PDB file of N, CA and C in Angstrom:
ATOM      1  N   MET A   1      90.527  95.674  85.456  1.00  0.00           N
ATOM      2  CA  MET A   1      91.153  94.727  84.582  1.00  0.00           C
ATOM      3  C   MET A   1      91.154  93.369  85.268  1.00  0.00           C
ATOM      4  N   GLU A   2      90.748  92.357  84.532  1.00  0.00           N
ATOM      5  CA  GLU A   2      90.795  90.987  85.044  1.00  0.00           C
ATOM      6  C   GLU A   2      92.196  90.420  84.846  1.00  0.00           C
ATOM      7  N   ILE A   3      92.663  89.698  85.838  1.00  0.00           N
ATOM      8  CA  ILE A   3      93.907  88.944  85.716  1.00  0.00           C
ATOM      9  C   ILE A   3      93.498  87.485  85.603  1.00  0.00           C
ATOM     10  N   VAL A   4      93.917  86.822  84.523  1.00  0.00           N
ATOM     11  CA  VAL A   4      93.553  85.425  84.318  1.00  0.00           C
ATOM     12  C   VAL A   4      94.799  84.558  84.271  1.00  0.00           C
ATOM     13  N   ASP A   5      94.645  83.306  84.639  1.00  0.00           N
ATOM     14  CA  ASP A   5      95.764  82.367  84.587  1.00  0.00           C
ATOM     15  C   ASP A   5      95.844  81.730  83.197  1.00  0.00           C
ATOM     16  N   SER A   6      96.725  80.767  83.044  1.00  0.00           N
ATOM     17  CA  SER A   6      96.924  80.133  81.734  1.00  0.00           C
ATOM     18  C   SER A   6      95.705  79.345  81.264  1.00  0.00           C
ATOM     19  N   ASN A   7      94.792  79.010  82.172  1.00  0.00           N
ATOM     20  CA  ASN A   7      93.559  78.307  81.813  1.00  0.00           C
ATOM     21  C   ASN A   7      92.382  79.263  81.630  1.00  0.00           C
ATOM     22  N   GLN A   8      92.677  80.556  81.563  1.00  0.00           N
ATOM     23  CA  GLN A   8      91.671  81.606  81.404  1.00  0.00           C
ATOM     24  C   GLN A   8      90.707  81.699  82.591  1.00  0.00           C
ATOM     25  N   GLN A   9      91.147  81.239  83.760  1.00  0.00           N
ATOM     26  CA  GLN A   9      90.375  81.380  84.986  1.00  0.00           C
ATOM     27  C   GLN A   9      90.790  82.685  85.680  1.00  0.00           C
ATOM     28  N   VAL A  10      89.825  83.430  86.179  1.00  0.00           N
ATOM     29  CA  VAL A  10      90.126  84.709  86.840  1.00  0.00           C
ATOM     30  C   VAL A  10      90.928  84.452  88.111  1.00  0.00           C
ATOM     31  N   PHE A  11      92.053  85.173  88.235  1.00  0.00           N
ATOM     32  CA  PHE A  11      92.929  85.063  89.391  1.00  0.00           C
ATOM     33  C   PHE A  11      92.727  86.247  90.332  1.00  0.00           C
ATOM     34  N   GLY A  12      92.319  87.385  89.775  1.00  0.00           N
ATOM     35  CA  GLY A  12      92.117  88.587  90.571  1.00  0.00           C
ATOM     36  C   GLY A  12      91.810  89.766  89.661  1.00  0.00           C
ATOM     37  N   TYR A  13      91.746  90.942  90.276  1.00  0.00           N
ATOM     38  CA  TYR A  13      91.414  92.165  89.542  1.00  0.00           C
ATOM     39  C   TYR A  13      92.311  93.309  89.984  1.00  0.00           C
ATOM     40  N   ILE A  14      92.585  94.221  89.061  1.00  0.00           N
ATOM     41  CA  ILE A  14      93.300  95.460  89.351  1.00  0.00           C
ATOM     42  C   ILE A  14      92.416  96.607  88.901  1.00  0.00           C
ATOM     43  N   ARG A  15      92.230  97.570  89.784  1.00  0.00           N
ATOM     44  CA  ARG A  15      91.464  98.779  89.436  1.00  0.00           C
ATOM     45  C   ARG A  15      92.350  99.990  89.658  1.00  0.00           C
ATOM     46  N   LYS A  16      92.458 100.785  88.635  1.00  0.00           N
ATOM     47  CA  LYS A  16      93.286 101.978  88.678  1.00  0.00           C
ATOM     48  C   LYS A  16      92.484 103.135  89.249  1.00  0.00           C
ATOM     49  N   GLN A  17      93.147 103.932  90.082  1.00  0.00           N
ATOM     50  CA  GLN A  17      92.540 105.164  90.558  1.00  0.00           C
ATOM     51  C   GLN A  17      92.345 106.079  89.349  1.00  0.00           C
ATOM     52  N   SER A  18      91.341 106.928  89.369  1.00  0.00           N
ATOM     53  CA  SER A  18      91.067 107.776  88.204  1.00  0.00           C
ATOM     54  C   SER A  18      92.211 108.749  87.939  1.00  0.00           C
ATOM     55  N   GLY A  19      92.311 109.169  86.688  1.00  0.00           N
ATOM     56  CA  GLY A  19      93.329 110.130  86.284  1.00  0.00           C
ATOM     57  C   GLY A  19      94.351 109.515  85.349  1.00  0.00           C
ATOM     58  N   ILE A  20      95.090 110.368  84.676  1.00  0.00           N
ATOM     59  CA  ILE A  20      96.114 109.909  83.734  1.00  0.00           C
ATOM     60  C   ILE A  20      97.301 109.297  84.468  1.00  0.00           C
ATOM     61  N   LYS A  21      97.746 109.927  85.519  1.00  0.00           N
ATOM     62  CA  LYS A  21      98.855 109.415  86.330  1.00  0.00           C
ATOM     63  C   LYS A  21      98.341 109.118  87.738  1.00  0.00           C
ATOM     64  N   PRO A  22      97.623 107.996  87.922  1.00  0.00           N
ATOM     65  CA  PRO A  22      97.037 107.696  89.230  1.00  0.00           C
ATOM     66  C   PRO A  22      98.103 107.373  90.265  1.00  0.00           C
ATOM     67  N   LYS A  23      97.769 107.597  91.510  1.00  0.00           N
ATOM     68  CA  LYS A  23      98.687 107.277  92.594  1.00  0.00           C
ATOM     69  C   LYS A  23      98.515 105.829  93.056  1.00  0.00           C
ATOM     70  N   ASP A  24      97.285 105.328  93.042  1.00  0.00           N
ATOM     71  CA  ASP A  24      97.019 103.990  93.577  1.00  0.00           C
ATOM     72  C   ASP A  24      96.385 103.068  92.540  1.00  0.00           C
ATOM     73  N   PHE A  25      96.745 101.794  92.648  1.00  0.00           N
ATOM     74  CA  PHE A  25      96.110 100.719  91.900  1.00  0.00           C
ATOM     75  C   PHE A  25      95.619  99.727  92.949  1.00  0.00           C
ATOM     76  N   HIS A  26      94.322  99.431  92.964  1.00  0.00           N
ATOM     77  CA  HIS A  26      93.732  98.580  93.980  1.00  0.00           C
ATOM     78  C   HIS A  26      93.625  97.138  93.479  1.00  0.00           C
ATOM     79  N   LEU A  27      93.914  96.196  94.370  1.00  0.00           N
ATOM     80  CA  LEU A  27      93.930  94.767  94.044  1.00  0.00           C
ATOM     81  C   LEU A  27      92.772  94.057  94.744  1.00  0.00           C
ATOM     82  N   PHE A  28      92.099  93.163  93.993  1.00  0.00           N
ATOM     83  CA  PHE A  28      90.974  92.406  94.528  1.00  0.00           C
ATOM     84  C   PHE A  28      91.131  90.944  94.140  1.00  0.00           C
ATOM     85  N   ASP A  29      90.684  90.046  95.024  1.00  0.00           N
ATOM     86  CA  ASP A  29      90.745  88.615  94.713  1.00  0.00           C
ATOM     87  C   ASP A  29      89.565  88.215  93.826  1.00  0.00           C
ATOM     88  N   THR A  30      89.417  86.927  93.576  1.00  0.00           N
ATOM     89  CA  THR A  30      88.366  86.447  92.665  1.00  0.00           C
ATOM     90  C   THR A  30      86.965  86.721  93.177  1.00  0.00           C
ATOM     91  N   GLU A  31      86.807  86.876  94.482  1.00  0.00           N
ATOM     92  CA  GLU A  31      85.494  87.160  95.089  1.00  0.00           C
ATOM     93  C   GLU A  31      85.253  88.663  95.227  1.00  0.00           C
ATOM     94  N   GLN A  32      86.109  89.474  94.620  1.00  0.00           N
ATOM     95  CA  GLN A  32      86.025  90.935  94.675  1.00  0.00           C
ATOM     96  C   GLN A  32      86.322  91.494  96.071  1.00  0.00           C
ATOM     97  N   ASN A  33      87.045  90.716  96.895  1.00  0.00           N
ATOM     98  CA  ASN A  33      87.475  91.196  98.208  1.00  0.00           C
ATOM     99  C   ASN A  33      88.768  91.984  98.043  1.00  0.00           C
ATOM    100  N   TYR A  34      88.852  93.098  98.738  1.00  0.00           N
ATOM    101  CA  TYR A  34      90.036  93.958  98.683  1.00  0.00           C
ATOM    102  C   TYR A  34      91.254  93.217  99.240  1.00  0.00           C
ATOM    103  N   VAL A  35      92.341  93.196  98.474  1.00  0.00           N
ATOM    104  CA  VAL A  35      93.577  92.536  98.893  1.00  0.00           C
ATOM    105  C   VAL A  35      94.611  93.560  99.328  1.00  0.00           C
ATOM    106  N   GLY A  36      94.644  94.692  98.642  1.00  0.00           N
ATOM    107  CA  GLY A  36      95.616  95.726  98.954  1.00  0.00           C
ATOM    108  C   GLY A  36      95.699  96.723  97.822  1.00  0.00           C
ATOM    109  N   ALA A  37      96.750  97.532  97.859  1.00  0.00           N
ATOM    110  CA  ALA A  37      96.926  98.548  96.824  1.00  0.00           C
ATOM    111  C   ALA A  37      98.406  98.752  96.555  1.00  0.00           C
ATOM    112  N   ILE A  38      98.682  99.183  95.342  1.00  0.00           N
ATOM    113  CA  ILE A  38     100.035  99.574  94.968  1.00  0.00           C
ATOM    114  C   ILE A  38     100.037 101.091  94.911  1.00  0.00           C
ATOM    115  N   GLN A  39     100.884 101.685  95.728  1.00  0.00           N
ATOM    116  CA  GLN A  39     100.964 103.139  95.802  1.00  0.00           C
ATOM    117  C   GLN A  39     102.270 103.611  95.180  1.00  0.00           C
ATOM    118  N   THR A  40     102.185 104.662  94.419  1.00  0.00           N
ATOM    119  CA  THR A  40     103.366 105.243  93.798  1.00  0.00           C
ATOM    120  C   THR A  40     103.799 106.436  94.625  1.00  0.00           C
ATOM    121  N   THR A  41     105.020 106.390  95.120  1.00  0.00           N
ATOM    122  CA  THR A  41     105.558 107.509  95.893  1.00  0.00           C
ATOM    123  C   THR A  41     106.702 108.109  95.094  1.00  0.00           C
ATOM    124  N   TRP A  42     106.378 109.166  94.337  1.00  0.00           N
ATOM    125  CA  TRP A  42     107.373 109.783  93.457  1.00  0.00           C
ATOM    126  C   TRP A  42     108.484 110.452  94.254  1.00  0.00           C
ATOM    127  N   ILE A  43     108.179 110.985  95.430  1.00  0.00           N
ATOM    128  CA  ILE A  43     109.202 111.672  96.227  1.00  0.00           C
ATOM    129  C   ILE A  43     110.269 110.689  96.675  1.00  0.00           C
ATOM    130  N   ASN A  44     109.842 109.516  97.162  1.00  0.00           N
ATOM    131  CA  ASN A  44     110.782 108.490  97.631  1.00  0.00           C
ATOM    132  C   ASN A  44     111.228 107.562  96.512  1.00  0.00           C
ATOM    133  N   LYS A  45     110.669 107.759  95.309  1.00  0.00           N
ATOM    134  CA  LYS A  45     111.017 106.983  94.120  1.00  0.00           C
ATOM    135  C   LYS A  45     110.878 105.479  94.328  1.00  0.00           C
ATOM    136  N   LYS A  46     109.668 105.080  94.741  1.00  0.00           N
ATOM    137  CA  LYS A  46     109.407 103.656  94.892  1.00  0.00           C
ATOM    138  C   LYS A  46     107.913 103.385  94.796  1.00  0.00           C
ATOM    139  N   TYR A  47     107.592 102.127  94.497  1.00  0.00           N
ATOM    140  CA  TYR A  47     106.235 101.624  94.564  1.00  0.00           C
ATOM    141  C   TYR A  47     106.121 100.896  95.901  1.00  0.00           C
ATOM    142  N   VAL A  48     105.044 101.137  96.611  1.00  0.00           N
ATOM    143  CA  VAL A  48     104.808 100.477  97.891  1.00  0.00           C
ATOM    144  C   VAL A  48     103.488  99.720  97.793  1.00  0.00           C
ATOM    145  N   VAL A  49     103.512  98.458  98.227  1.00  0.00           N
ATOM    146  CA  VAL A  49     102.297  97.644  98.245  1.00  0.00           C
ATOM    147  C   VAL A  49     101.818  97.577  99.686  1.00  0.00           C
ATOM    148  N   VAL A  50     100.543  97.942  99.877  1.00  0.00           N
ATOM    149  CA  VAL A  50      99.939  97.853 101.211  1.00  0.00           C
ATOM    150  C   VAL A  50      98.916  96.724 101.201  1.00  0.00           C
ATOM    151  N   ASP A  51      98.731  96.088 102.349  1.00  0.00           N
ATOM    152  CA  ASP A  51      97.787  94.979 102.448  1.00  0.00           C
ATOM    153  C   ASP A  51      96.398  95.471 102.852  1.00  0.00           C
ATOM    154  N   ARG A  52      95.524  94.549 103.197  1.00  0.00           N
ATOM    155  CA  ARG A  52      94.137  94.872 103.574  1.00  0.00           C
ATOM    156  C   ARG A  52      94.047  95.873 104.723  1.00  0.00           C
ATOM    157  N   GLU A  53      94.991  95.779 105.643  1.00  0.00           N
ATOM    158  CA  GLU A  53      94.999  96.645 106.828  1.00  0.00           C
ATOM    159  C   GLU A  53      95.771  97.943 106.591  1.00  0.00           C
ATOM    160  N   LYS A  54      96.139  98.209 105.342  1.00  0.00           N
ATOM    161  CA  LYS A  54      96.886  99.415 104.951  1.00  0.00           C
ATOM    162  C   LYS A  54      98.325  99.421 105.473  1.00  0.00           C
ATOM    163  N   LYS A  55      98.823  98.237 105.803  1.00  0.00           N
ATOM    164  CA  LYS A  55     100.201  98.087 106.274  1.00  0.00           C
ATOM    165  C   LYS A  55     101.102  97.865 105.068  1.00  0.00           C
ATOM    166  N   SER A  56     102.207  98.591 105.000  1.00  0.00           N
ATOM    167  CA  SER A  56     103.165  98.428 103.899  1.00  0.00           C
ATOM    168  C   SER A  56     103.837  97.072 104.020  1.00  0.00           C
ATOM    169  N   VAL A  57     103.767  96.268 102.948  1.00  0.00           N
ATOM    170  CA  VAL A  57     104.330  94.922 102.991  1.00  0.00           C
ATOM    171  C   VAL A  57     105.443  94.706 101.972  1.00  0.00           C
ATOM    172  N   LEU A  58     105.347  95.354 100.810  1.00  0.00           N
ATOM    173  CA  LEU A  58     106.362  95.208  99.764  1.00  0.00           C
ATOM    174  C   LEU A  58     106.738  96.581  99.229  1.00  0.00           C
ATOM    175  N   GLU A  59     107.952  96.680  98.705  1.00  0.00           N
ATOM    176  CA  GLU A  59     108.350  97.902  98.023  1.00  0.00           C
ATOM    177  C   GLU A  59     109.292  97.569  96.880  1.00  0.00           C
ATOM    178  N   MET A  60     109.268  98.439  95.872  1.00  0.00           N
ATOM    179  CA  MET A  60     110.123  98.260  94.708  1.00  0.00           C
ATOM    180  C   MET A  60     110.570  99.647  94.239  1.00  0.00           C
ATOM    181  N   PRO A  61     111.883  99.856  94.071  1.00  0.00           N
ATOM    182  CA  PRO A  61     112.359 101.166  93.609  1.00  0.00           C
ATOM    183  C   PRO A  61     111.842 101.495  92.214  1.00  0.00           C
ATOM    184  N   ILE A  62     111.532 102.775  91.992  1.00  0.00           N
ATOM    185  CA  ILE A  62     111.162 103.258  90.669  1.00  0.00           C
ATOM    186  C   ILE A  62     112.446 103.520  89.910  1.00  0.00           C
ATOM    187  N   MET A  63     112.565 102.912  88.749  1.00  0.00           N
ATOM    188  CA  MET A  63     113.750 103.102  87.913  1.00  0.00           C
ATOM    189  C   MET A  63     113.285 103.662  86.576  1.00  0.00           C
ATOM    190  N   THR A  64     113.945 104.716  86.116  1.00  0.00           N
ATOM    191  CA  THR A  64     113.534 105.300  84.845  1.00  0.00           C
ATOM    192  C   THR A  64     113.984 104.455  83.670  1.00  0.00           C
ATOM    193  N   SER A  65     115.016 103.701  83.839  1.00  0.00           N
ATOM    194  CA  SER A  65     115.429 102.742  82.811  1.00  0.00           C
ATOM    195  C   SER A  65     115.941 101.511  83.532  1.00  0.00           C
ATOM    196  N   GLY A  66     115.678 100.389  82.950  1.00  0.00           N
ATOM    197  CA  GLY A  66     116.112  99.157  83.581  1.00  0.00           C
ATOM    198  C   GLY A  66     115.239  98.000  83.162  1.00  0.00           C
ATOM    199  N   ILE A  67     115.750  96.832  83.382  1.00  0.00           N
ATOM    200  CA  ILE A  67     114.999  95.646  83.001  1.00  0.00           C
ATOM    201  C   ILE A  67     114.835  94.675  84.164  1.00  0.00           C
ATOM    202  N   ASP A  68     115.543  94.913  85.259  1.00  0.00           N
ATOM    203  CA  ASP A  68     115.425  94.066  86.439  1.00  0.00           C
ATOM    204  C   ASP A  68     114.971  94.918  87.618  1.00  0.00           C
ATOM    205  N   TYR A  69     113.939  94.453  88.295  1.00  0.00           N
ATOM    206  CA  TYR A  69     113.365  95.196  89.412  1.00  0.00           C
ATOM    207  C   TYR A  69     113.302  94.278  90.621  1.00  0.00           C
ATOM    208  N   ASP A  70     113.913  94.684  91.730  1.00  0.00           N
ATOM    209  CA  ASP A  70     113.902  93.883  92.949  1.00  0.00           C
ATOM    210  C   ASP A  70     112.718  94.278  93.824  1.00  0.00           C
ATOM    211  N   VAL A  71     112.026  93.264  94.336  1.00  0.00           N
ATOM    212  CA  VAL A  71     110.887  93.475  95.223  1.00  0.00           C
ATOM    213  C   VAL A  71     111.333  93.096  96.631  1.00  0.00           C
ATOM    214  N   LYS A  72     111.162  94.032  97.553  1.00  0.00           N
ATOM    215  CA  LYS A  72     111.620  93.839  98.922  1.00  0.00           C
ATOM    216  C   LYS A  72     110.440  93.604  99.859  1.00  0.00           C
ATOM    217  N   ASP A  73     110.561  92.601 100.732  1.00  0.00           N
ATOM    218  CA  ASP A  73     109.615  92.377 101.816  1.00  0.00           C
ATOM    219  C   ASP A  73     110.022  93.342 102.926  1.00  0.00           C
ATOM    220  N   ILE A  74     109.160  94.289 103.249  1.00  0.00           N
ATOM    221  CA  ILE A  74     109.506  95.334 104.210  1.00  0.00           C
ATOM    222  C   ILE A  74     109.709  94.757 105.606  1.00  0.00           C
ATOM    223  N   GLU A  75     108.844  93.847 106.030  1.00  0.00           N
ATOM    224  CA  GLU A  75     108.942  93.272 107.376  1.00  0.00           C
ATOM    225  C   GLU A  75     110.235  92.473 107.553  1.00  0.00           C
ATOM    226  N   LYS A  76     110.597  91.673 106.550  1.00  0.00           N
ATOM    227  CA  LYS A  76     111.809  90.844 106.634  1.00  0.00           C
ATOM    228  C   LYS A  76     113.066  91.609 106.233  1.00  0.00           C
ATOM    229  N   ASP A  77     112.882  92.807 105.640  1.00  0.00           N
ATOM    230  CA  ASP A  77     113.976  93.660 105.195  1.00  0.00           C
ATOM    231  C   ASP A  77     114.943  92.913 104.256  1.00  0.00           C
ATOM    232  N   ARG A  78     114.338  92.217 103.281  1.00  0.00           N
ATOM    233  CA  ARG A  78     115.164  91.520 102.286  1.00  0.00           C
ATOM    234  C   ARG A  78     114.381  91.370 100.986  1.00  0.00           C
ATOM    235  N   ASN A  79     115.116  91.210  99.906  1.00  0.00           N
ATOM    236  CA  ASN A  79     114.484  91.006  98.603  1.00  0.00           C
ATOM    237  C   ASN A  79     113.874  89.617  98.547  1.00  0.00           C
ATOM    238  N   ILE A  80     112.636  89.543  98.023  1.00  0.00           N
ATOM    239  CA  ILE A  80     111.956  88.251  97.940  1.00  0.00           C
ATOM    240  C   ILE A  80     111.646  87.847  96.504  1.00  0.00           C
ATOM    241  N   ALA A  81     111.773  88.794  95.579  1.00  0.00           N
ATOM    242  CA  ALA A  81     111.446  88.484  94.190  1.00  0.00           C
ATOM    243  C   ALA A  81     112.178  89.446  93.277  1.00  0.00           C
ATOM    244  N   SER A  82     112.285  89.037  92.037  1.00  0.00           N
ATOM    245  CA  SER A  82     112.857  89.892  91.009  1.00  0.00           C
ATOM    246  C   SER A  82     111.937  89.835  89.803  1.00  0.00           C
ATOM    247  N   ILE A  83     111.536  91.016  89.334  1.00  0.00           N
ATOM    248  CA  ILE A  83     110.726  91.113  88.130  1.00  0.00           C
ATOM    249  C   ILE A  83     111.681  91.474  87.006  1.00  0.00           C
ATOM    250  N   ARG A  84     111.623  90.716  85.934  1.00  0.00           N
ATOM    251  CA  ARG A  84     112.540  90.933  84.810  1.00  0.00           C
ATOM    252  C   ARG A  84     111.754  91.251  83.549  1.00  0.00           C
ATOM    253  N   LYS A  85     112.117  92.353  82.919  1.00  0.00           N
ATOM    254  CA  LYS A  85     111.480  92.712  81.651  1.00  0.00           C
ATOM    255  C   LYS A  85     112.346  92.127  80.543  1.00  0.00           C
ATOM    256  N   ARG A  86     111.752  91.267  79.741  1.00  0.00           N
ATOM    257  CA  ARG A  86     112.502  90.577  78.690  1.00  0.00           C
ATOM    258  C   ARG A  86     111.671  90.481  77.427  1.00  0.00           C
ATOM    259  N   THR A  87     112.374  90.291  76.342  1.00  0.00           N
ATOM    260  CA  THR A  87     111.738  90.003  75.070  1.00  0.00           C
ATOM    261  C   THR A  87     111.986  88.538  74.769  1.00  0.00           C
ATOM    262  N   LEU A  88     110.922  87.809  74.506  1.00  0.00           N
ATOM    263  CA  LEU A  88     111.044  86.406  74.135  1.00  0.00           C
ATOM    264  C   LEU A  88     111.496  86.354  72.683  1.00  0.00           C
ATOM    265  N   VAL A  89     112.686  85.861  72.457  1.00  0.00           N
ATOM    266  CA  VAL A  89     113.242  85.835  71.107  1.00  0.00           C
ATOM    267  C   VAL A  89     112.666  84.663  70.334  1.00  0.00           C
ATOM    268  N   THR A  90     112.118  84.968  69.176  1.00  0.00           N
ATOM    269  CA  THR A  90     111.575  83.922  68.303  1.00  0.00           C
ATOM    270  C   THR A  90     112.338  83.962  66.983  1.00  0.00           C
ATOM    271  N   TYR A  91     111.676  84.363  65.931  1.00  0.00           N
ATOM    272  CA  TYR A  91     112.307  84.354  64.616  1.00  0.00           C
ATOM    273  C   TYR A  91     113.077  85.623  64.303  1.00  0.00           C
ATOM    274  N   GLY A  92     112.816  86.687  65.021  1.00  0.00           N
ATOM    275  CA  GLY A  92     113.555  87.923  64.798  1.00  0.00           C
ATOM    276  C   GLY A  92     112.688  89.046  64.285  1.00  0.00           C
ATOM    277  N   GLY A  93     113.279  90.211  64.246  1.00  0.00           N
ATOM    278  CA  GLY A  93     112.602  91.375  63.684  1.00  0.00           C
ATOM    279  C   GLY A  93     111.432  91.865  64.499  1.00  0.00           C
ATOM    280  N   GLN A  94     110.421  92.396  63.807  1.00  0.00           N
ATOM    281  CA  GLN A  94     109.245  92.989  64.438  1.00  0.00           C
ATOM    282  C   GLN A  94     108.512  92.006  65.345  1.00  0.00           C
ATOM    283  N   ALA A  95     108.511  90.736  65.019  1.00  0.00           N
ATOM    284  CA  ALA A  95     107.775  89.752  65.829  1.00  0.00           C
ATOM    285  C   ALA A  95     108.263  89.759  67.270  1.00  0.00           C
ATOM    286  N   ASN A  96     109.545  89.995  67.486  1.00  0.00           N
ATOM    287  CA  ASN A  96     110.084  90.001  68.841  1.00  0.00           C
ATOM    288  C   ASN A  96     109.522  91.145  69.668  1.00  0.00           C
ATOM    289  N   LEU A  97     109.290  92.306  69.059  1.00  0.00           N
ATOM    290  CA  LEU A  97     108.813  93.461  69.799  1.00  0.00           C
ATOM    291  C   LEU A  97     107.448  93.212  70.417  1.00  0.00           C
ATOM    292  N   SER A  98     106.632  92.403  69.790  1.00  0.00           N
ATOM    293  CA  SER A  98     105.304  92.125  70.327  1.00  0.00           C
ATOM    294  C   SER A  98     105.336  91.026  71.390  1.00  0.00           C
ATOM    295  N   ARG A  99     106.478  90.431  71.654  1.00  0.00           N
ATOM    296  CA  ARG A  99     106.581  89.336  72.615  1.00  0.00           C
ATOM    297  C   ARG A  99     107.294  89.757  73.892  1.00  0.00           C
ATOM    298  N   GLU A 100     107.340  91.074  74.120  1.00  0.00           N
ATOM    299  CA  GLU A 100     107.973  91.579  75.322  1.00  0.00           C
ATOM    300  C   GLU A 100     107.054  91.371  76.520  1.00  0.00           C
ATOM    301  N   GLY A 101     107.627  91.037  77.659  1.00  0.00           N
ATOM    302  CA  GLY A 101     106.796  90.811  78.834  1.00  0.00           C
ATOM    303  C   GLY A 101     107.599  90.890  80.111  1.00  0.00           C
ATOM    304  N   PHE A 102     106.893  90.783  81.233  1.00  0.00           N
ATOM    305  CA  PHE A 102     107.520  90.766  82.543  1.00  0.00           C
ATOM    306  C   PHE A 102     107.499  89.343  83.062  1.00  0.00           C
ATOM    307  N   TYR A 103     108.602  88.913  83.605  1.00  0.00           N
ATOM    308  CA  TYR A 103     108.729  87.561  84.135  1.00  0.00           C
ATOM    309  C   TYR A 103     108.994  87.661  85.623  1.00  0.00           C
ATOM    310  N   MET A 104     108.255  86.886  86.413  1.00  0.00           N
ATOM    311  CA  MET A 104     108.304  86.997  87.858  1.00  0.00           C
ATOM    312  C   MET A 104     108.038  85.652  88.490  1.00  0.00           C
ATOM    313  N   PRO A 105     108.448  85.487  89.743  1.00  0.00           N
ATOM    314  CA  PRO A 105     108.171  84.222  90.425  1.00  0.00           C
ATOM    315  C   PRO A 105     106.730  84.182  90.926  1.00  0.00           C
ATOM    316  N   ILE A 106     106.193  82.975  91.063  1.00  0.00           N
ATOM    317  CA  ILE A 106     104.887  82.770  91.681  1.00  0.00           C
ATOM    318  C   ILE A 106     105.148  82.490  93.159  1.00  0.00           C
ATOM    319  N   MET A 107     104.518  83.259  94.022  1.00  0.00           N
ATOM    320  CA  MET A 107     104.724  83.123  95.463  1.00  0.00           C
ATOM    321  C   MET A 107     103.788  82.046  96.013  1.00  0.00           C
ATOM    322  N   ASP A 108     104.079  81.553  97.212  1.00  0.00           N
ATOM    323  CA  ASP A 108     103.246  80.532  97.855  1.00  0.00           C
ATOM    324  C   ASP A 108     101.870  81.065  98.249  1.00  0.00           C
ATOM    325  N   LEU A 109     101.777  82.341  98.518  1.00  0.00           N
ATOM    326  CA  LEU A 109     100.521  82.940  98.946  1.00  0.00           C
ATOM    327  C   LEU A 109      99.845  83.646  97.778  1.00  0.00           C
ATOM    328  N   PRO A 110      98.589  83.318  97.472  1.00  0.00           N
ATOM    329  CA  PRO A 110      97.913  83.951  96.337  1.00  0.00           C
ATOM    330  C   PRO A 110      97.886  85.478  96.414  1.00  0.00           C
ATOM    331  N   ASP A 111      97.698  86.042  97.623  1.00  0.00           N
ATOM    332  CA  ASP A 111      97.681  87.499  97.750  1.00  0.00           C
ATOM    333  C   ASP A 111      99.023  88.109  97.341  1.00  0.00           C
ATOM    334  N   ARG A 112     100.112  87.468  97.737  1.00  0.00           N
ATOM    335  CA  ARG A 112     101.449  87.978  97.374  1.00  0.00           C
ATOM    336  C   ARG A 112     101.672  87.864  95.869  1.00  0.00           C
ATOM    337  N   THR A 113     101.228  86.772  95.272  1.00  0.00           N
ATOM    338  CA  THR A 113     101.345  86.624  93.818  1.00  0.00           C
ATOM    339  C   THR A 113     100.570  87.730  93.119  1.00  0.00           C
ATOM    340  N   LEU A 114      99.360  88.010  93.593  1.00  0.00           N
ATOM    341  CA  LEU A 114      98.557  89.085  93.019  1.00  0.00           C
ATOM    342  C   LEU A 114      99.270  90.426  93.166  1.00  0.00           C
ATOM    343  N   MET A 115      99.931  90.643  94.288  1.00  0.00           N
ATOM    344  CA  MET A 115     100.673  91.887  94.507  1.00  0.00           C
ATOM    345  C   MET A 115     101.832  92.018  93.519  1.00  0.00           C
ATOM    346  N   ILE A 116     102.547  90.918  93.280  1.00  0.00           N
ATOM    347  CA  ILE A 116     103.671  90.937  92.334  1.00  0.00           C
ATOM    348  C   ILE A 116     103.156  91.176  90.910  1.00  0.00           C
ATOM    349  N   ILE A 117     102.054  90.506  90.543  1.00  0.00           N
ATOM    350  CA  ILE A 117     101.449  90.733  89.222  1.00  0.00           C
ATOM    351  C   ILE A 117     101.030  92.195  89.099  1.00  0.00           C
ATOM    352  N   GLY A 118     100.461  92.730  90.172  1.00  0.00           N
ATOM    353  CA  GLY A 118     100.073  94.136  90.174  1.00  0.00           C
ATOM    354  C   GLY A 118     101.256  95.054  89.949  1.00  0.00           C
ATOM    355  N   LEU A 119     102.392  94.742  90.552  1.00  0.00           N
ATOM    356  CA  LEU A 119     103.601  95.543  90.320  1.00  0.00           C
ATOM    357  C   LEU A 119     104.007  95.499  88.850  1.00  0.00           C
ATOM    358  N   CYS A 120     103.902  94.325  88.235  1.00  0.00           N
ATOM    359  CA  CYS A 120     104.205  94.211  86.797  1.00  0.00           C
ATOM    360  C   CYS A 120     103.270  95.099  85.988  1.00  0.00           C
ATOM    361  N   TYR A 121     101.993  95.081  86.330  1.00  0.00           N
ATOM    362  CA  TYR A 121     101.012  95.897  85.619  1.00  0.00           C
ATOM    363  C   TYR A 121     101.344  97.386  85.769  1.00  0.00           C
ATOM    364  N   VAL A 122     101.664  97.805  86.974  1.00  0.00           N
ATOM    365  CA  VAL A 122     101.974  99.217  87.217  1.00  0.00           C
ATOM    366  C   VAL A 122     103.229  99.621  86.454  1.00  0.00           C
ATOM    367  N   LEU A 123     104.242  98.762  86.457  1.00  0.00           N
ATOM    368  CA  LEU A 123     105.452  99.047  85.671  1.00  0.00           C
ATOM    369  C   LEU A 123     105.088  99.260  84.207  1.00  0.00           C
ATOM    370  N   ASN A 124     104.316  98.363  83.651  1.00  0.00           N
ATOM    371  CA  ASN A 124     103.929  98.460  82.255  1.00  0.00           C
ATOM    372  C   ASN A 124     103.077  99.711  82.007  1.00  0.00           C
ATOM    373  N   PHE A 125     102.197 100.036  82.934  1.00  0.00           N
ATOM    374  CA  PHE A 125     101.354 101.220  82.792  1.00  0.00           C
ATOM    375  C   PHE A 125     102.211 102.476  82.664  1.00  0.00           C
ATOM    376  N   TYR A 126     103.188 102.621  83.539  1.00  0.00           N
ATOM    377  CA  TYR A 126     104.013 103.834  83.514  1.00  0.00           C
ATOM    378  C   TYR A 126     105.026 103.842  82.383  1.00  0.00           C
ATOM    379  N   ILE A 127     105.477 102.673  81.951  1.00  0.00           N
ATOM    380  CA  ILE A 127     106.398 102.609  80.815  1.00  0.00           C
ATOM    381  C   ILE A 127     105.661 102.969  79.534  1.00  0.00           C
ATOM    382  N   GLN A 128     104.389 102.547  79.407  1.00  0.00           N
ATOM    383  CA  GLN A 128     103.620 102.783  78.185  1.00  0.00           C
ATOM    384  C   GLN A 128     103.021 104.171  78.097  1.00  0.00           C
ATOM    385  N   THR A 129     102.829 104.874  79.256  1.00  0.00           N
ATOM    386  CA  THR A 129     102.182 106.192  79.216  1.00  0.00           C
ATOM    387  C   THR A 129     103.180 107.317  79.316  1.00  0.00           C
TER     388      THR A 129
END
């Protein structure tokens, strides 16, 4: 899947591991260079993001219901971002249901932004399936 910015320029790519309930989603930059992966650990009930060197850098708890998700920087041992699932309210009714989305901060580092976007994608993947 291509990730594009508001100007329709490619920002990166996400590739899902094969299967209905994959364990890993791999992240690539615009040059198709490996950035990292999002791993689902059902036993520990969290998503873990690993970088190019396979080092765990971010984690987010798996919640079966919820609209706010905290992303923790493992090295700094603190939350660095919050992903919020919201519906953009317009005129009302059915139109609102199609305007649901994830809202997140843009990080200073493109790789970290791609990782956060990847977490949003994984959340949506598991919520929809």
